[in-house]
C-alpha atoms as a PDB file:
ATOM      1  CA  MET A   1    -100.918 -35.551 106.605  1.00  0.00           C
ATOM      2  CA  THR A   2    -100.982 -38.481 107.888  1.00  0.00           C
ATOM      3  CA  CYS A   3     -98.799 -38.293 111.040  1.00  0.00           C
ATOM      4  CA  LEU A   4     -98.694 -35.612 113.598  1.00  0.00           C
ATOM      5  CA  CYS A   5     -94.688 -34.751 115.109  1.00  0.00           C
ATOM      6  CA  SER A   6     -95.038 -33.099 118.470  1.00  0.00           C
ATOM      7  CA  GLY A   7     -91.953 -32.745 121.349  1.00  0.00           C
ATOM      8  CA  ILE A   8     -88.286 -31.245 121.342  1.00  0.00           C
ATOM      9  CA  LEU A   9     -86.295 -29.021 118.600  1.00  0.00           C
ATOM     10  CA  PHE A  10     -83.139 -28.259 118.661  1.00  0.00           C
ATOM     11  CA  ALA A  11     -79.581 -27.354 117.061  1.00  0.00           C
ATOM     12  CA  ASP A  12     -77.227 -29.612 117.514  1.00  0.00           C
ATOM     13  CA  ILE A  13     -73.092 -28.299 117.741  1.00  0.00           C
ATOM     14  CA  ALA A  14     -71.189 -31.492 116.902  1.00  0.00           C
ATOM     15  CA  CYS A  15     -68.079 -32.227 116.298  1.00  0.00           C
ATOM     16  CA  SER A  16     -66.331 -35.141 114.402  1.00  0.00           C
ATOM     17  CA  PRO A  17     -64.807 -37.989 116.535  1.00  0.00           C
ATOM     18  CA  ILE A  18     -62.071 -36.915 118.113  1.00  0.00           C
ATOM     19  CA  THR A  19     -59.716 -39.372 120.098  1.00  0.00           C
ATOM     20  CA  HIS A  20     -60.011 -38.741 123.570  1.00  0.00           C
ATOM     21  CA  ILE A  21     -62.054 -36.356 125.931  1.00  0.00           C
ATOM     22  CA  PRO A  22     -59.671 -33.077 126.634  1.00  0.00           C
ATOM     23  CA  SER A  23     -58.302 -32.634 130.202  1.00  0.00           C
ATOM     24  CA  GLU A  24     -58.168 -29.506 131.554  1.00  0.00           C
ATOM     25  CA  GLY A  25     -56.900 -26.291 129.360  1.00  0.00           C
ATOM     26  CA  GLU A  26     -55.923 -29.270 126.104  1.00  0.00           C
ATOM     27  CA  LEU A  27     -56.837 -28.502 123.125  1.00  0.00           C
ATOM     28  CA  ILE A  28     -57.906 -31.568 120.774  1.00  0.00           C
ATOM     29  CA  PRO A  29     -58.335 -31.396 116.921  1.00  0.00           C
ATOM     30  CA  THR A  30     -61.317 -32.611 114.943  1.00  0.00           C
ATOM     31  CA  GLU A  31     -61.949 -32.817 111.306  1.00  0.00           C
ATOM     32  CA  LYS A  32     -65.013 -30.271 111.475  1.00  0.00           C
ATOM     33  CA  ILE A  33     -67.761 -28.945 113.641  1.00  0.00           C
ATOM     34  CA  GLU A  34     -71.243 -28.841 111.859  1.00  0.00           C
ATOM     35  CA  LEU A  35     -74.050 -27.192 112.864  1.00  0.00           C
ATOM     36  CA  ASN A  36     -77.527 -29.569 112.484  1.00  0.00           C
ATOM     37  CA  LEU A  37     -80.959 -30.339 113.032  1.00  0.00           C
ATOM     38  CA  GLY A  38     -82.212 -32.512 116.246  1.00  0.00           C
ATOM     39  CA  GLY A  39     -84.664 -33.351 118.666  1.00  0.00           C
ATOM     40  CA  CYS A  40     -87.045 -36.332 118.477  1.00  0.00           C
ATOM     41  CA  ALA A  41     -89.727 -34.299 117.501  1.00  0.00           C
ATOM     42  CA  ALA A  42     -87.353 -32.553 114.099  1.00  0.00           C
ATOM     43  CA  ASN A  43     -85.636 -35.767 113.440  1.00  0.00           C
ATOM     44  CA  VAL A  44     -88.503 -38.090 113.367  1.00  0.00           C
ATOM     45  CA  ALA A  45     -90.550 -35.222 110.796  1.00  0.00           C
ATOM     46  CA  VAL A  46     -87.485 -35.517 108.696  1.00  0.00           C
ATOM     47  CA  ASP A  47     -86.983 -39.443 108.721  1.00  0.00           C
ATOM     48  CA  LEU A  48     -90.311 -39.871 107.568  1.00  0.00           C
ATOM     49  CA  SER A  49     -90.270 -36.938 104.808  1.00  0.00           C
ATOM     50  CA  ARG A  50     -87.162 -38.550 103.396  1.00  0.00           C
ATOM     51  CA  LEU A  51     -89.481 -41.512 103.313  1.00  0.00           C
ATOM     52  CA  GLY A  52     -92.336 -40.033 101.498  1.00  0.00           C
ATOM     53  CA  VAL A  53     -94.589 -39.406 104.713  1.00  0.00           C
ATOM     54  CA  ASP A  54     -96.878 -36.360 104.998  1.00  0.00           C
ATOM     55  CA  VAL A  55     -96.150 -35.326 107.980  1.00  0.00           C
ATOM     56  CA  MET A  56     -97.126 -31.694 110.390  1.00  0.00           C
ATOM     57  CA  LEU A  57     -94.431 -30.756 113.015  1.00  0.00           C
ATOM     58  CA  SER A  58     -95.496 -29.004 116.081  1.00  0.00           C
ATOM     59  CA  GLY A  59     -92.841 -27.842 118.522  1.00  0.00           C
ATOM     60  CA  CYS A  60     -91.444 -24.692 120.039  1.00  0.00           C
ATOM     61  CA  VAL A  61     -88.665 -22.115 119.293  1.00  0.00           C
ATOM     62  CA  GLY A  62     -87.183 -18.770 120.388  1.00  0.00           C
ATOM     63  CA  ASP A  63     -86.930 -15.865 118.395  1.00  0.00           C
ATOM     64  CA  ASP A  64     -82.853 -15.787 118.177  1.00  0.00           C
ATOM     65  CA  ALA A  65     -80.414 -17.224 115.206  1.00  0.00           C
ATOM     66  CA  LEU A  66     -80.259 -20.602 116.420  1.00  0.00           C
ATOM     67  CA  SER A  67     -84.445 -20.357 115.979  1.00  0.00           C
ATOM     68  CA  ASP A  68     -84.460 -19.003 112.708  1.00  0.00           C
ATOM     69  CA  PHE A  69     -81.936 -22.056 112.185  1.00  0.00           C
ATOM     70  CA  VAL A  70     -84.126 -24.487 113.191  1.00  0.00           C
ATOM     71  CA  ILE A  71     -86.552 -23.225 111.226  1.00  0.00           C
ATOM     72  CA  ARG A  72     -85.286 -23.341 107.857  1.00  0.00           C
ATOM     73  CA  ALA A  73     -84.152 -26.874 108.633  1.00  0.00           C
ATOM     74  CA  VAL A  74     -87.186 -28.383 108.863  1.00  0.00           C
ATOM     75  CA  SER A  75     -89.091 -26.073 106.043  1.00  0.00           C
ATOM     76  CA  GLN A  76     -88.978 -29.578 104.018  1.00  0.00           C
ATOM     77  CA  PRO A  77     -91.020 -30.730 101.196  1.00  0.00           C
ATOM     78  CA  LYS A  78     -94.000 -33.138 102.884  1.00  0.00           C
ATOM     79  CA  ILE A  79     -93.203 -30.650 106.388  1.00  0.00           C
ATOM     80  CA  ASP A  80     -96.183 -28.624 107.239  1.00  0.00           C
ATOM     81  CA  ILE A  81     -95.035 -26.629 109.719  1.00  0.00           C
ATOM     82  CA  THR A  82     -98.058 -24.373 110.183  1.00  0.00           C
ATOM     83  CA  GLN A  83     -98.371 -25.803 114.312  1.00  0.00           C
ATOM     84  CA  LEU A  84     -94.835 -24.596 114.709  1.00  0.00           C
ATOM     85  CA  GLN A  85     -95.163 -22.258 117.894  1.00  0.00           C
ATOM     86  CA  LYS A  86     -92.656 -19.602 119.424  1.00  0.00           C
ATOM     87  CA  SER A  87     -91.403 -17.662 122.700  1.00  0.00           C
ATOM     88  CA  ALA A  88     -90.213 -14.835 123.095  1.00  0.00           C
ATOM     89  CA  GLY A  89     -86.680 -13.943 124.728  1.00  0.00           C
ATOM     90  CA  GLN A  90     -86.140 -17.819 124.200  1.00  0.00           C
ATOM     91  CA  CYS A  91     -83.289 -20.003 122.449  1.00  0.00           C
ATOM     92  CA  PRO A  92     -84.493 -22.928 120.914  1.00  0.00           C
ATOM     93  CA  GLY A  93     -83.043 -26.116 122.501  1.00  0.00           C
ATOM     94  CA  THR A  94     -79.925 -26.059 121.992  1.00  0.00           C
ATOM     95  CA  ALA A  95     -77.070 -29.446 122.737  1.00  0.00           C
ATOM     96  CA  MET A  96     -73.363 -29.898 121.890  1.00  0.00           C
ATOM     97  CA  HIS A  97     -72.476 -33.079 121.145  1.00  0.00           C
ATOM     98  CA  ILE A  98     -69.195 -34.855 122.000  1.00  0.00           C
ATOM     99  CA  ASN A  99     -67.769 -37.592 119.637  1.00  0.00           C
ATOM    100  CA  VAL A 100     -65.204 -39.651 120.561  1.00  0.00           C
ATOM    101  CA  GLN A 101     -63.893 -42.394 119.150  1.00  0.00           C
ATOM    102  CA  GLY A 102     -65.131 -46.198 120.287  1.00  0.00           C
ATOM    103  CA  GLN A 103     -67.636 -44.604 122.916  1.00  0.00           C
ATOM    104  CA  ASP A 104     -71.320 -43.785 123.210  1.00  0.00           C
ATOM    105  CA  ARG A 105     -72.174 -39.752 122.470  1.00  0.00           C
ATOM    106  CA  ARG A 106     -72.058 -36.892 125.258  1.00  0.00           C
ATOM    107  CA  PHE A 107     -74.254 -33.956 125.239  1.00  0.00           C
ATOM    108  CA  ILE A 108     -74.140 -30.615 127.089  1.00  0.00           C
ATOM    109  CA  CYS A 109     -77.620 -29.245 126.938  1.00  0.00           C
ATOM    110  CA  THR A 110     -80.453 -26.979 127.301  1.00  0.00           C
ATOM    111  CA  THR A 111     -84.273 -27.242 126.853  1.00  0.00           C
ATOM    112  CA  GLY A 112     -84.912 -23.337 125.511  1.00  0.00           C
ATOM    113  CA  ALA A 113     -88.328 -23.073 124.524  1.00  0.00           C
ATOM    114  CA  ASN A 114     -88.898 -26.105 124.745  1.00  0.00           C
ATOM    115  CA  ASP A 115     -89.834 -26.642 127.592  1.00  0.00           C
ATOM    116  CA  ASP A 116     -92.582 -23.802 126.813  1.00  0.00           C
ATOM    117  CA  TYR A 117     -94.335 -25.999 124.496  1.00  0.00           C
ATOM    118  CA  VAL A 118     -98.005 -26.589 124.988  1.00  0.00           C
ATOM    119  CA  PHE A 119    -101.259 -28.175 123.759  1.00  0.00           C
ATOM    120  CA  ASN A 120    -102.900 -25.060 122.188  1.00  0.00           C
ATOM    121  CA  ASP A 121    -106.557 -25.597 121.098  1.00  0.00           C
ATOM    122  CA  GLU A 122    -105.503 -25.356 117.437  1.00  0.00           C
ATOM    123  CA  LEU A 123    -103.970 -29.061 118.329  1.00  0.00           C
ATOM    124  CA  PHE A 124    -106.863 -30.235 119.772  1.00  0.00           C
ATOM    125  CA  GLN A 125    -108.853 -29.431 116.943  1.00  0.00           C
ATOM    126  CA  LEU A 126    -106.638 -31.000 114.732  1.00  0.00           C
ATOM    127  CA  VAL A 127    -106.220 -34.674 116.311  1.00  0.00           C
ATOM    128  CA  GLU A 128    -110.153 -34.100 116.529  1.00  0.00           C
ATOM    129  CA  THR A 129    -111.365 -33.228 113.122  1.00  0.00           C
ATOM    130  CA  ALA A 130    -108.856 -35.285 110.597  1.00  0.00           C
ATOM    131  CA  LYS A 131    -110.330 -37.570 108.158  1.00  0.00           C
ATOM    132  CA  PRO A 132    -110.529 -41.487 108.767  1.00  0.00           C
ATOM    133  CA  GLY A 133    -107.767 -43.377 107.861  1.00  0.00           C
ATOM    134  CA  ARG A 134    -104.428 -44.317 109.391  1.00  0.00           C
ATOM    135  CA  LYS A 135    -102.491 -41.996 111.214  1.00  0.00           C
ATOM    136  CA  VAL A 136    -100.263 -41.540 114.089  1.00  0.00           C
ATOM    137  CA  PHE A 137     -99.218 -39.037 116.789  1.00  0.00           C
ATOM    138  CA  TYR A 138     -95.896 -38.512 118.200  1.00  0.00           C
ATOM    139  CA  LEU A 139     -94.831 -37.000 121.301  1.00  0.00           C
ATOM    140  CA  GLY A 140     -90.914 -37.360 121.631  1.00  0.00           C
ATOM    141  CA  GLY A 141     -88.361 -36.091 123.748  1.00  0.00           C
ATOM    142  CA  PHE A 142     -91.470 -36.418 127.206  1.00  0.00           C
ATOM    143  CA  PHE A 143     -89.502 -34.944 130.132  1.00  0.00           C
ATOM    144  CA  MET A 144     -87.479 -32.718 127.813  1.00  0.00           C
ATOM    145  CA  LEU A 145     -91.051 -30.957 127.739  1.00  0.00           C
ATOM    146  CA  ARG A 146     -92.186 -29.103 130.974  1.00  0.00           C
ATOM    147  CA  THR A 147     -95.258 -27.500 130.160  1.00  0.00           C
ATOM    148  CA  LEU A 148     -96.415 -31.392 129.065  1.00  0.00           C
ATOM    149  CA  GLU A 149     -96.292 -32.442 132.148  1.00  0.00           C
ATOM    150  CA  SER A 150    -100.221 -31.824 133.276  1.00  0.00           C
ATOM    151  CA  ASP A 151    -103.063 -33.459 132.941  1.00  0.00           C
ATOM    152  CA  ARG A 152    -103.437 -31.612 129.968  1.00  0.00           C
ATOM    153  CA  THR A 153    -100.967 -33.598 127.563  1.00  0.00           C
ATOM    154  CA  VAL A 154    -102.939 -36.952 129.117  1.00  0.00           C
ATOM    155  CA  GLN A 155    -106.395 -35.470 127.816  1.00  0.00           C
ATOM    156  CA  PHE A 156    -104.759 -35.101 124.696  1.00  0.00           C
ATOM    157  CA  LEU A 157    -103.551 -38.440 124.068  1.00  0.00           C
ATOM    158  CA  LYS A 158    -106.657 -40.047 125.348  1.00  0.00           C
ATOM    159  CA  THR A 159    -108.599 -37.453 122.717  1.00  0.00           C
ATOM    160  CA  ALA A 160    -106.139 -38.363 119.690  1.00  0.00           C
ATOM    161  CA  ARG A 161    -107.045 -42.379 120.219  1.00  0.00           C
ATOM    162  CA  LYS A 162    -110.932 -41.838 120.833  1.00  0.00           C
ATOM    163  CA  CYS A 163    -110.422 -40.236 117.208  1.00  0.00           C
ATOM    164  CA  GLY A 164    -107.969 -43.232 115.598  1.00  0.00           C
ATOM    165  CA  TRP A 165    -104.827 -41.917 115.958  1.00  0.00           C
ATOM    166  CA  THR A 166    -102.024 -44.675 117.075  1.00  0.00           C
ATOM    167  CA  THR A 167    -100.419 -42.912 119.698  1.00  0.00           C
ATOM    168  CA  ILE A 168     -96.439 -42.941 120.149  1.00  0.00           C
ATOM    169  CA  LEU A 169     -94.278 -41.812 122.939  1.00  0.00           C
ATOM    170  CA  ASP A 170     -90.878 -41.524 123.472  1.00  0.00           C
ATOM    171  CA  VAL A 171     -89.123 -40.044 125.800  1.00  0.00           C
ATOM    172  CA  VAL A 172     -85.685 -38.498 126.758  1.00  0.00           C
ATOM    173  CA  LEU A 173     -84.529 -38.542 130.364  1.00  0.00           C
ATOM    174  CA  TYR A 174     -83.306 -34.927 131.614  1.00  0.00           C
ATOM    175  CA  GLY A 175     -82.085 -34.451 135.536  1.00  0.00           C
ATOM    176  CA  ASP A 176     -82.590 -36.317 138.775  1.00  0.00           C
ATOM    177  CA  ARG A 177     -86.246 -36.641 138.624  1.00  0.00           C
ATOM    178  CA  PRO A 178     -89.720 -39.118 139.843  1.00  0.00           C
ATOM    179  CA  TYR A 179     -89.844 -40.111 135.752  1.00  0.00           C
ATOM    180  CA  TRP A 180     -92.333 -43.255 136.906  1.00  0.00           C
ATOM    181  CA  GLU A 181     -94.783 -41.009 139.349  1.00  0.00           C
ATOM    182  CA  ILE A 182     -95.001 -37.735 136.129  1.00  0.00           C
ATOM    183  CA  LEU A 183     -94.708 -40.575 132.755  1.00  0.00           C
ATOM    184  CA  GLN A 184     -97.970 -43.133 134.492  1.00  0.00           C
ATOM    185  CA  PRO A 185    -100.466 -41.005 133.497  1.00  0.00           C
ATOM    186  CA  LEU A 186     -99.893 -40.890 130.087  1.00  0.00           C
ATOM    187  CA  LEU A 187     -99.115 -44.618 129.718  1.00  0.00           C
ATOM    188  CA  PRO A 188    -102.882 -46.116 129.546  1.00  0.00           C
ATOM    189  CA  HIS A 189    -103.034 -43.658 126.551  1.00  0.00           C
ATOM    190  CA  THR A 190    -100.051 -44.317 124.500  1.00  0.00           C
ATOM    191  CA  ASP A 191    -100.191 -47.516 122.593  1.00  0.00           C
ATOM    192  CA  ILE A 192     -96.352 -47.617 121.841  1.00  0.00           C
ATOM    193  CA  PHE A 193     -93.829 -46.780 124.127  1.00  0.00           C
ATOM    194  CA  MET A 194     -90.388 -46.720 123.425  1.00  0.00           C
ATOM    195  CA  PRO A 195     -87.888 -45.854 125.731  1.00  0.00           C
ATOM    196  CA  ASN A 196     -83.988 -47.866 125.128  1.00  0.00           C
ATOM    197  CA  GLU A 197     -82.865 -49.921 127.664  1.00  0.00           C
ATOM    198  CA  GLN A 198     -81.251 -47.183 129.473  1.00  0.00           C
ATOM    199  CA  GLU A 199     -83.962 -45.109 130.169  1.00  0.00           C
ATOM    200  CA  GLY A 200     -86.756 -48.532 131.018  1.00  0.00           C
ATOM    201  CA  GLU A 201     -83.701 -49.024 134.245  1.00  0.00           C
ATOM    202  CA  THR A 202     -83.963 -45.548 135.540  1.00  0.00           C
ATOM    203  CA  ILE A 203     -87.834 -45.339 135.152  1.00  0.00           C
ATOM    204  CA  THR A 204     -88.751 -48.338 137.315  1.00  0.00           C
ATOM    205  CA  GLY A 205     -85.786 -49.199 138.908  1.00  0.00           C
ATOM    206  CA  GLU A 206     -85.212 -52.612 136.572  1.00  0.00           C
ATOM    207  CA  ARG A 207     -82.522 -53.545 135.205  1.00  0.00           C
ATOM    208  CA  ASN A 208     -83.837 -56.655 133.399  1.00  0.00           C
ATOM    209  CA  PRO A 209     -85.654 -54.896 130.060  1.00  0.00           C
ATOM    210  CA  HIS A 210     -87.988 -58.184 129.797  1.00  0.00           C
ATOM    211  CA  ASP A 211     -89.004 -56.779 133.597  1.00  0.00           C
ATOM    212  CA  GLN A 212     -89.286 -53.141 132.830  1.00  0.00           C
ATOM    213  CA  ALA A 213     -91.661 -54.004 130.085  1.00  0.00           C
ATOM    214  CA  LYS A 214     -93.516 -56.322 132.511  1.00  0.00           C
ATOM    215  CA  LYS A 215     -94.149 -52.672 134.089  1.00  0.00           C
ATOM    216  CA  PHE A 216     -94.891 -50.434 131.182  1.00  0.00           C
ATOM    217  CA  LEU A 217     -97.345 -53.225 130.170  1.00  0.00           C
ATOM    218  CA  GLU A 218     -99.180 -53.081 133.861  1.00  0.00           C
ATOM    219  CA  ALA A 219     -99.151 -49.442 133.749  1.00  0.00           C
ATOM    220  CA  GLY A 220    -101.774 -49.745 130.877  1.00  0.00           C
ATOM    221  CA  VAL A 221     -99.537 -49.210 127.921  1.00  0.00           C
ATOM    222  CA  GLY A 222    -100.614 -51.098 124.403  1.00  0.00           C
ATOM    223  CA  ALA A 223     -96.968 -51.748 123.420  1.00  0.00           C
ATOM    224  CA  ALA A 224     -93.436 -51.806 124.972  1.00  0.00           C
ATOM    225  CA  ILE A 225     -90.145 -51.526 122.288  1.00  0.00           C
ATOM    226  CA  ILE A 226     -87.044 -51.351 123.851  1.00  0.00           C
ATOM    227  CA  THR A 227     -84.129 -50.733 122.007  1.00  0.00           C
ATOM    228  CA  ARG A 228     -80.783 -51.957 123.103  1.00  0.00           C
ATOM    229  CA  GLY A 229     -78.239 -50.325 121.036  1.00  0.00           C
ATOM    230  CA  GLU A 230     -76.113 -52.942 119.467  1.00  0.00           C
ATOM    231  CA  LEU A 231     -77.688 -55.768 121.285  1.00  0.00           C
ATOM    232  CA  GLY A 232     -80.758 -55.015 118.714  1.00  0.00           C
ATOM    233  CA  SER A 233     -84.587 -54.389 120.507  1.00  0.00           C
ATOM    234  CA  LEU A 234     -87.011 -55.779 122.409  1.00  0.00           C
ATOM    235  CA  TYR A 235     -90.862 -56.041 121.870  1.00  0.00           C
ATOM    236  CA  PHE A 236     -93.387 -56.156 123.800  1.00  0.00           C
ATOM    237  CA  SER A 237     -97.197 -56.976 124.635  1.00  0.00           C
ATOM    238  CA  GLY A 238    -100.136 -58.548 125.315  1.00  0.00           C
ATOM    239  CA  LYS A 239    -100.366 -60.368 122.305  1.00  0.00           C
ATOM    240  CA  GLU A 240     -96.938 -60.984 121.574  1.00  0.00           C
ATOM    241  CA  GLN A 241     -93.303 -60.456 122.316  1.00  0.00           C
ATOM    242  CA  PHE A 242     -90.086 -60.956 120.225  1.00  0.00           C
ATOM    243  CA  GLN A 243     -86.346 -59.011 120.093  1.00  0.00           C
ATOM    244  CA  THR A 244     -84.279 -58.428 116.806  1.00  0.00           C
ATOM    245  CA  GLY A 245     -80.569 -57.891 116.547  1.00  0.00           C
ATOM    246  CA  VAL A 246     -78.810 -55.274 114.455  1.00  0.00           C
ATOM    247  CA  TYR A 247     -78.236 -54.567 110.693  1.00  0.00           C
ATOM    248  CA  PRO A 248     -75.074 -54.263 109.521  1.00  0.00           C
ATOM    249  CA  THR A 249     -73.335 -50.502 109.075  1.00  0.00           C
ATOM    250  CA  ASN A 250     -70.089 -48.028 109.221  1.00  0.00           C
ATOM    251  CA  TYR A 251     -70.741 -46.897 112.466  1.00  0.00           C
ATOM    252  CA  VAL A 252     -69.748 -42.911 112.865  1.00  0.00           C
ATOM    253  CA  SER A 253     -72.205 -41.432 115.435  1.00  0.00           C
ATOM    254  CA  GLY A 254     -74.869 -42.979 117.050  1.00  0.00           C
ATOM    255  CA  ALA A 255     -77.123 -39.389 117.483  1.00  0.00           C
ATOM    256  CA  GLY A 256     -80.487 -39.365 116.066  1.00  0.00           C
ATOM    257  CA  ALA A 257     -80.488 -43.700 116.039  1.00  0.00           C
ATOM    258  CA  GLY A 258     -82.741 -44.165 117.826  1.00  0.00           C
ATOM    259  CA  ASP A 259     -85.193 -41.181 115.908  1.00  0.00           C
ATOM    260  CA  ALA A 260     -84.775 -42.587 112.361  1.00  0.00           C
ATOM    261  CA  PHE A 261     -86.121 -46.078 114.250  1.00  0.00           C
ATOM    262  CA  VAL A 262     -88.918 -44.514 115.716  1.00  0.00           C
ATOM    263  CA  ALA A 263     -89.597 -43.542 111.790  1.00  0.00           C
ATOM    264  CA  GLY A 264     -88.909 -45.862 110.409  1.00  0.00           C
ATOM    265  CA  LEU A 265     -91.295 -48.158 112.584  1.00  0.00           C
ATOM    266  CA  ILE A 266     -94.435 -45.163 111.981  1.00  0.00           C
ATOM    267  CA  ALA A 267     -93.444 -45.241 107.932  1.00  0.00           C
ATOM    268  CA  ALA A 268     -94.734 -48.967 108.022  1.00  0.00           C
ATOM    269  CA  LEU A 269     -97.024 -48.561 110.560  1.00  0.00           C
ATOM    270  CA  LEU A 270     -99.173 -46.378 108.550  1.00  0.00           C
ATOM    271  CA  GLU A 271     -98.475 -48.621 105.361  1.00  0.00           C
ATOM    272  CA  GLY A 272    -100.046 -51.636 107.240  1.00  0.00           C
ATOM    273  CA  LYS A 273     -96.863 -53.809 108.115  1.00  0.00           C
ATOM    274  CA  GLU A 274     -96.976 -56.652 111.268  1.00  0.00           C
ATOM    275  CA  HIS A 275     -95.256 -55.034 114.257  1.00  0.00           C
ATOM    276  CA  CYS A 276     -92.255 -57.504 112.736  1.00  0.00           C
ATOM    277  CA  ASP A 277     -92.025 -55.616 109.668  1.00  0.00           C
ATOM    278  CA  ALA A 278     -91.749 -51.975 111.314  1.00  0.00           C
ATOM    279  CA  VAL A 279     -89.428 -53.185 113.575  1.00  0.00           C
ATOM    280  CA  ARG A 280     -87.689 -54.565 110.496  1.00  0.00           C
ATOM    281  CA  TRP A 281     -88.035 -50.982 109.041  1.00  0.00           C
ATOM    282  CA  GLY A 282     -87.264 -49.195 112.147  1.00  0.00           C
ATOM    283  CA  SER A 283     -83.612 -51.409 112.599  1.00  0.00           C
ATOM    284  CA  ALA A 284     -83.137 -50.080 108.865  1.00  0.00           C
ATOM    285  CA  LEU A 285     -83.632 -46.671 109.354  1.00  0.00           C
ATOM    286  CA  GLY A 286     -81.866 -47.161 112.355  1.00  0.00           C
ATOM    287  CA  ALA A 287     -78.183 -48.128 110.771  1.00  0.00           C
ATOM    288  CA  SER A 288     -78.632 -45.733 107.951  1.00  0.00           C
ATOM    289  CA  CYS A 289     -78.760 -42.872 110.243  1.00  0.00           C
ATOM    290  CA  VAL A 290     -75.657 -43.717 112.525  1.00  0.00           C
ATOM    291  CA  ARG A 291     -73.230 -43.836 109.068  1.00  0.00           C
ATOM    292  CA  GLU A 292     -72.924 -39.240 109.224  1.00  0.00           C
ATOM    293  CA  VAL A 293     -72.595 -37.163 112.353  1.00  0.00           C
ATOM    294  CA  SER A 294     -75.669 -35.346 112.062  1.00  0.00           C
ATOM    295  CA  THR A 295     -78.615 -36.880 112.992  1.00  0.00           C
ATOM    296  CA  THR A 296     -80.736 -37.194 109.761  1.00  0.00           C
ATOM    297  CA  GLY A 297     -78.014 -36.364 107.302  1.00  0.00           C
ATOM    298  CA  GLY A 298     -77.421 -40.552 106.659  1.00  0.00           C
ATOM    299  CA  ILE A 299     -81.394 -41.670 106.344  1.00  0.00           C
ATOM    300  CA  PHE A 300     -82.246 -43.607 104.045  1.00  0.00           C
ATOM    301  CA  SER A 301     -84.804 -42.610 101.276  1.00  0.00           C
ATOM    302  CA  ARG A 302     -88.414 -45.044 100.928  1.00  0.00           C
ATOM    303  CA  ASN A 303     -86.291 -46.931  98.108  1.00  0.00           C
ATOM    304  CA  GLU A 304     -82.694 -47.416  99.649  1.00  0.00           C
ATOM    305  CA  LEU A 305     -84.617 -48.653 102.385  1.00  0.00           C
ATOM    306  CA  LEU A 306     -86.858 -51.112 100.675  1.00  0.00           C
ATOM    307  CA  ASP A 307     -83.949 -52.074  99.101  1.00  0.00           C
ATOM    308  CA  PHE A 308     -81.234 -52.137 101.769  1.00  0.00           C
ATOM    309  CA  ILE A 309     -84.063 -54.724 103.850  1.00  0.00           C
ATOM    310  CA  GLY A 310     -83.948 -56.888 100.453  1.00  0.00           C
ATOM    311  CA  LYS A 311     -80.452 -57.561 100.663  1.00  0.00           C
ATOM    312  CA  HIS A 312     -80.196 -58.572 104.311  1.00  0.00           C
ATOM    313  CA  LYS A 313     -81.988 -60.664 106.355  1.00  0.00           C
ATOM    314  CA  LEU A 314     -83.170 -59.808 110.371  1.00  0.00           C
ATOM    315  CA  GLU A 315     -84.732 -62.198 112.646  1.00  0.00           C
ATOM    316  CA  CYS A 316     -87.607 -61.745 114.299  1.00  0.00           C
ATOM    317  CA  GLY A 317     -87.711 -64.416 117.652  1.00  0.00           C
ATOM    318  CA  CYS A 318     -88.666 -65.350 120.716  1.00  0.00           C
END
């Protein structure tokens, strides 16, 4: 195992793109409705496995039929699920994706068992006893994991970094909450923080992504990567700053694109790539994701990813 993915696990119910949001009492036809795997940690783990990375997935599901579906969906080669937790009487995180032609995604969801996920003693022991070498700890979907909003999460991040793990943090905003106050204690122990531009604005109160990044860096984060959809992404650290555009793709749905970006970035870092190349890998894997409604169905294999990057140029500029 070179990567530990912790965080939210979801069952996603998604429709093919419809022409418009139905008005009250209106029935709108769609080509199909699918049940798919979702959630930051689950998506990143599956995407990494497609790239040939050995990954351990840790999160919490319930004990119902949708939870059984999530477990089956993540039971794939290269994914170790021995650290999945179960919460009695709960459903998994569950989301309905409403896709409208030409518009960004909409969600209706419940966090379900994700709120019961904990960093238990076994996980502490796992990060403390991992073999030397490149390894990444990824925490995805913070703010949808209520039990993790504690000093124990700060201690877990500190322990992981002390033991040689690169720590990466991703968030999903959920409700009207004091996000900065909750997040700030984690940032000094985070190597890479990866919000999108809208999340960054809500968390910091700053509209300009450069000002968002400045606030994150001042709070102690090692680097911030702020994704901006079709505008590309921005990378900021104390040593370097650059921006990239996006790769060409056939857009169907944006669900899972941010998770694919994270997975591509992690895979590149595990291979010792420079940060600019790592962002290219993330951007390319994100471009593969949006070609399908499901969050993981369109993800490139490693060979497909390298072939795509070889055929398409993406500049990293200041």
